[in-house]
Amino acid sequence: MKQESRPAAVRYNSGMATRKLTVRCPDCDSDLTIDAETGEVLFHKKAKQPIAEGKTFDDLFAGMKAQRSRADEIFEREKAALKDRDRLMDEKFKEAVKRAEEDPDTGRPVRPFDLD
């Protein structure tokens, strides 16, 4: 078989030539390697993201303060709900004890078998 001079993009795989194209996506700026014959994406390499998504240190610090204030607000709300829950459970328990004292236990309940 005689070898011909071919471009570097042409590769030999099992006797068949495959041609690969490398393009850059205009939308996400990532590199794509595409098979020229089938149009199938063979490889996808994401573009490097800028450090801290391009935000300045002051912007990041302000965002951190905002997240902390939201977390503190949620914590205080849950703490108040827990305190209120404890109060409600105490009231329910006292009410149950009061009803138990008013209506004392009369013994075992009647079973349907005992009625025959």
C-alpha atoms as a PDB file:
ATOM      1  CA  MET A   1       0.000   0.000   0.000  1.00  0.00           C
ATOM      2  CA  LYS A   2       1.424   3.320  -1.030  1.00  0.00           C
ATOM      3  CA  GLN A   3       1.482   6.097   1.599  1.00  0.00           C
ATOM      4  CA  GLU A   4       0.349   9.479   0.479  1.00  0.00           C
ATOM      5  CA  SER A   5       1.135  12.775   2.123  1.00  0.00           C
ATOM      6  CA  ARG A   6      -2.006  13.842   3.952  1.00  0.00           C
ATOM      7  CA  PRO A   7      -2.765  16.691   6.347  1.00  0.00           C
ATOM      8  CA  ALA A   8      -2.119  16.136  10.059  1.00  0.00           C
ATOM      9  CA  ALA A   9      -5.850  16.196  10.784  1.00  0.00           C
ATOM     10  CA  VAL A  10      -6.348  12.926   8.891  1.00  0.00           C
ATOM     11  CA  ARG A  11      -5.827   9.876  11.098  1.00  0.00           C
ATOM     12  CA  TYR A  12      -5.877   6.211  10.153  1.00  0.00           C
ATOM     13  CA  ASN A  13      -8.071   3.925  12.214  1.00  0.00           C
ATOM     14  CA  SER A  14      -8.553   0.333  11.027  1.00  0.00           C
ATOM     15  CA  GLY A  15      -7.739   1.349   7.489  1.00  0.00           C
ATOM     16  CA  MET A  16     -10.380   4.100   7.446  1.00  0.00           C
ATOM     17  CA  ALA A  17      -9.470   7.767   7.419  1.00  0.00           C
ATOM     18  CA  THR A  18     -11.223   9.997   9.950  1.00  0.00           C
ATOM     19  CA  ARG A  19     -11.015  13.737   9.825  1.00  0.00           C
ATOM     20  CA  LYS A  20     -11.358  15.767  13.001  1.00  0.00           C
ATOM     21  CA  LEU A  21     -12.150  19.438  13.253  1.00  0.00           C
ATOM     22  CA  THR A  22     -11.474  21.584  16.296  1.00  0.00           C
ATOM     23  CA  VAL A  23     -13.772  24.575  16.717  1.00  0.00           C
ATOM     24  CA  ARG A  24     -14.514  27.049  19.472  1.00  0.00           C
ATOM     25  CA  CYS A  25     -18.135  27.507  20.553  1.00  0.00           C
ATOM     26  CA  PRO A  26     -19.113  31.195  20.229  1.00  0.00           C
ATOM     27  CA  ASP A  27     -21.694  30.837  23.008  1.00  0.00           C
ATOM     28  CA  CYS A  28     -19.792  29.140  25.852  1.00  0.00           C
ATOM     29  CA  ASP A  29     -16.221  29.621  24.505  1.00  0.00           C
ATOM     30  CA  SER A  30     -15.374  25.921  24.904  1.00  0.00           C
ATOM     31  CA  ASP A  31     -13.285  23.848  22.476  1.00  0.00           C
ATOM     32  CA  LEU A  32     -15.078  21.111  20.536  1.00  0.00           C
ATOM     33  CA  THR A  33     -13.480  18.299  18.545  1.00  0.00           C
ATOM     34  CA  ILE A  34     -15.904  17.162  15.862  1.00  0.00           C
ATOM     35  CA  ASP A  35     -15.834  14.258  13.413  1.00  0.00           C
ATOM     36  CA  ALA A  36     -16.052  15.845   9.955  1.00  0.00           C
ATOM     37  CA  GLU A  37     -17.969  12.995   8.364  1.00  0.00           C
ATOM     38  CA  THR A  38     -20.657  12.344  10.975  1.00  0.00           C
ATOM     39  CA  GLY A  39     -20.767  15.742  12.700  1.00  0.00           C
ATOM     40  CA  GLU A  40     -20.579  14.006  16.081  1.00  0.00           C
ATOM     41  CA  VAL A  41     -18.807  15.769  18.944  1.00  0.00           C
ATOM     42  CA  LEU A  42     -15.846  13.622  19.922  1.00  0.00           C
ATOM     43  CA  PHE A  43     -14.443  15.776  22.705  1.00  0.00           C
ATOM     44  CA  HIS A  44     -15.666  18.793  24.669  1.00  0.00           C
ATOM     45  CA  LYS A  45     -13.273  20.941  26.711  1.00  0.00           C
ATOM     46  CA  LYS A  46     -14.836  23.660  28.841  1.00  0.00           C
ATOM     47  CA  ALA A  47     -13.263  27.081  28.833  1.00  0.00           C
ATOM     48  CA  LYS A  48     -11.481  28.145  31.994  1.00  0.00           C
ATOM     49  CA  GLN A  49     -13.674  30.212  34.268  1.00  0.00           C
ATOM     50  CA  PRO A  50     -12.179  33.387  35.691  1.00  0.00           C
ATOM     51  CA  ILE A  51     -11.226  33.188  39.343  1.00  0.00           C
ATOM     52  CA  ALA A  52     -14.162  34.189  41.578  1.00  0.00           C
ATOM     53  CA  GLU A  53     -16.280  34.613  38.457  1.00  0.00           C
ATOM     54  CA  GLY A  54     -14.660  37.968  37.745  1.00  0.00           C
ATOM     55  CA  LYS A  55     -15.867  39.588  40.970  1.00  0.00           C
ATOM     56  CA  THR A  56     -13.704  41.848  43.072  1.00  0.00           C
ATOM     57  CA  PHE A  57     -12.730  41.111  46.668  1.00  0.00           C
ATOM     58  CA  ASP A  58     -15.156  43.751  47.954  1.00  0.00           C
ATOM     59  CA  ASP A  59     -18.029  42.213  45.983  1.00  0.00           C
ATOM     60  CA  LEU A  60     -17.203  38.753  47.339  1.00  0.00           C
ATOM     61  CA  PHE A  61     -16.991  40.093  50.898  1.00  0.00           C
ATOM     62  CA  ALA A  62     -20.349  41.873  50.550  1.00  0.00           C
ATOM     63  CA  GLY A  63     -21.905  38.645  49.243  1.00  0.00           C
ATOM     64  CA  MET A  64     -20.481  36.757  52.192  1.00  0.00           C
ATOM     65  CA  LYS A  65     -21.984  39.304  54.607  1.00  0.00           C
ATOM     66  CA  ALA A  66     -25.369  38.955  52.898  1.00  0.00           C
ATOM     67  CA  GLN A  67     -25.214  35.146  53.184  1.00  0.00           C
ATOM     68  CA  ARG A  68     -24.262  35.406  56.841  1.00  0.00           C
ATOM     69  CA  SER A  69     -27.148  37.765  57.609  1.00  0.00           C
ATOM     70  CA  ARG A  70     -29.589  35.386  55.860  1.00  0.00           C
ATOM     71  CA  ALA A  71     -28.184  32.446  57.841  1.00  0.00           C
ATOM     72  CA  ASP A  72     -28.485  34.399  61.109  1.00  0.00           C
ATOM     73  CA  GLU A  73     -32.080  35.329  60.284  1.00  0.00           C
ATOM     74  CA  ILE A  74     -33.008  31.698  59.566  1.00  0.00           C
ATOM     75  CA  PHE A  75     -31.251  30.560  62.745  1.00  0.00           C
ATOM     76  CA  GLU A  76     -33.152  33.088  64.902  1.00  0.00           C
ATOM     77  CA  ARG A  77     -36.474  32.141  63.271  1.00  0.00           C
ATOM     78  CA  GLU A  78     -35.882  28.428  63.945  1.00  0.00           C
ATOM     79  CA  LYS A  79     -34.731  29.150  67.506  1.00  0.00           C
ATOM     80  CA  ALA A  80     -37.948  31.108  68.179  1.00  0.00           C
ATOM     81  CA  ALA A  81     -40.021  28.294  66.670  1.00  0.00           C
ATOM     82  CA  LEU A  82     -38.243  25.753  68.884  1.00  0.00           C
ATOM     83  CA  LYS A  83     -38.856  27.893  71.970  1.00  0.00           C
ATOM     84  CA  ASP A  84     -42.523  28.204  71.032  1.00  0.00           C
ATOM     85  CA  ARG A  85     -42.674  24.453  70.382  1.00  0.00           C
ATOM     86  CA  ASP A  86     -41.348  23.736  73.873  1.00  0.00           C
ATOM     87  CA  ARG A  87     -44.019  26.010  75.359  1.00  0.00           C
ATOM     88  CA  LEU A  88     -46.780  24.319  73.341  1.00  0.00           C
ATOM     89  CA  MET A  89     -45.595  20.847  74.323  1.00  0.00           C
ATOM     90  CA  ASP A  90     -45.576  21.866  78.017  1.00  0.00           C
ATOM     91  CA  GLU A  91     -49.133  23.177  77.719  1.00  0.00           C
ATOM     92  CA  LYS A  92     -50.306  19.994  75.988  1.00  0.00           C
ATOM     93  CA  PHE A  93     -48.656  17.855  78.658  1.00  0.00           C
ATOM     94  CA  LYS A  94     -50.270  19.871  81.495  1.00  0.00           C
ATOM     95  CA  GLU A  95     -53.656  19.596  79.789  1.00  0.00           C
ATOM     96  CA  ALA A  96     -53.242  15.821  79.396  1.00  0.00           C
ATOM     97  CA  VAL A  97     -52.261  15.459  83.078  1.00  0.00           C
ATOM     98  CA  LYS A  98     -55.294  17.576  84.097  1.00  0.00           C
ATOM     99  CA  ARG A  99     -57.674  15.419  82.024  1.00  0.00           C
ATOM    100  CA  ALA A 100     -56.120  12.246  83.409  1.00  0.00           C
ATOM    101  CA  GLU A 101     -56.738  13.489  86.964  1.00  0.00           C
ATOM    102  CA  GLU A 102     -60.349  14.490  86.182  1.00  0.00           C
ATOM    103  CA  ASP A 103     -61.197  11.192  84.501  1.00  0.00           C
ATOM    104  CA  PRO A 104     -59.265   8.481  86.345  1.00  0.00           C
ATOM    105  CA  ASP A 105     -58.571   5.125  84.769  1.00  0.00           C
ATOM    106  CA  THR A 106     -61.408   2.667  85.385  1.00  0.00           C
ATOM    107  CA  GLY A 107     -59.445  -0.440  84.584  1.00  0.00           C
ATOM    108  CA  ARG A 108     -59.233  -2.550  81.523  1.00  0.00           C
ATOM    109  CA  PRO A 109     -61.488  -1.681  78.602  1.00  0.00           C
ATOM    110  CA  VAL A 110     -64.280  -4.063  77.691  1.00  0.00           C
ATOM    111  CA  ARG A 111     -63.314  -6.525  75.006  1.00  0.00           C
ATOM    112  CA  PRO A 112     -65.803  -7.633  72.373  1.00  0.00           C
ATOM    113  CA  PHE A 113     -65.294 -11.249  73.473  1.00  0.00           C
ATOM    114  CA  ASP A 114     -66.496 -10.404  76.979  1.00  0.00           C
ATOM    115  CA  LEU A 115     -69.856  -9.143  75.658  1.00  0.00           C
ATOM    116  CA  ASP A 116     -70.993 -12.582  74.412  1.00  0.00           C
END
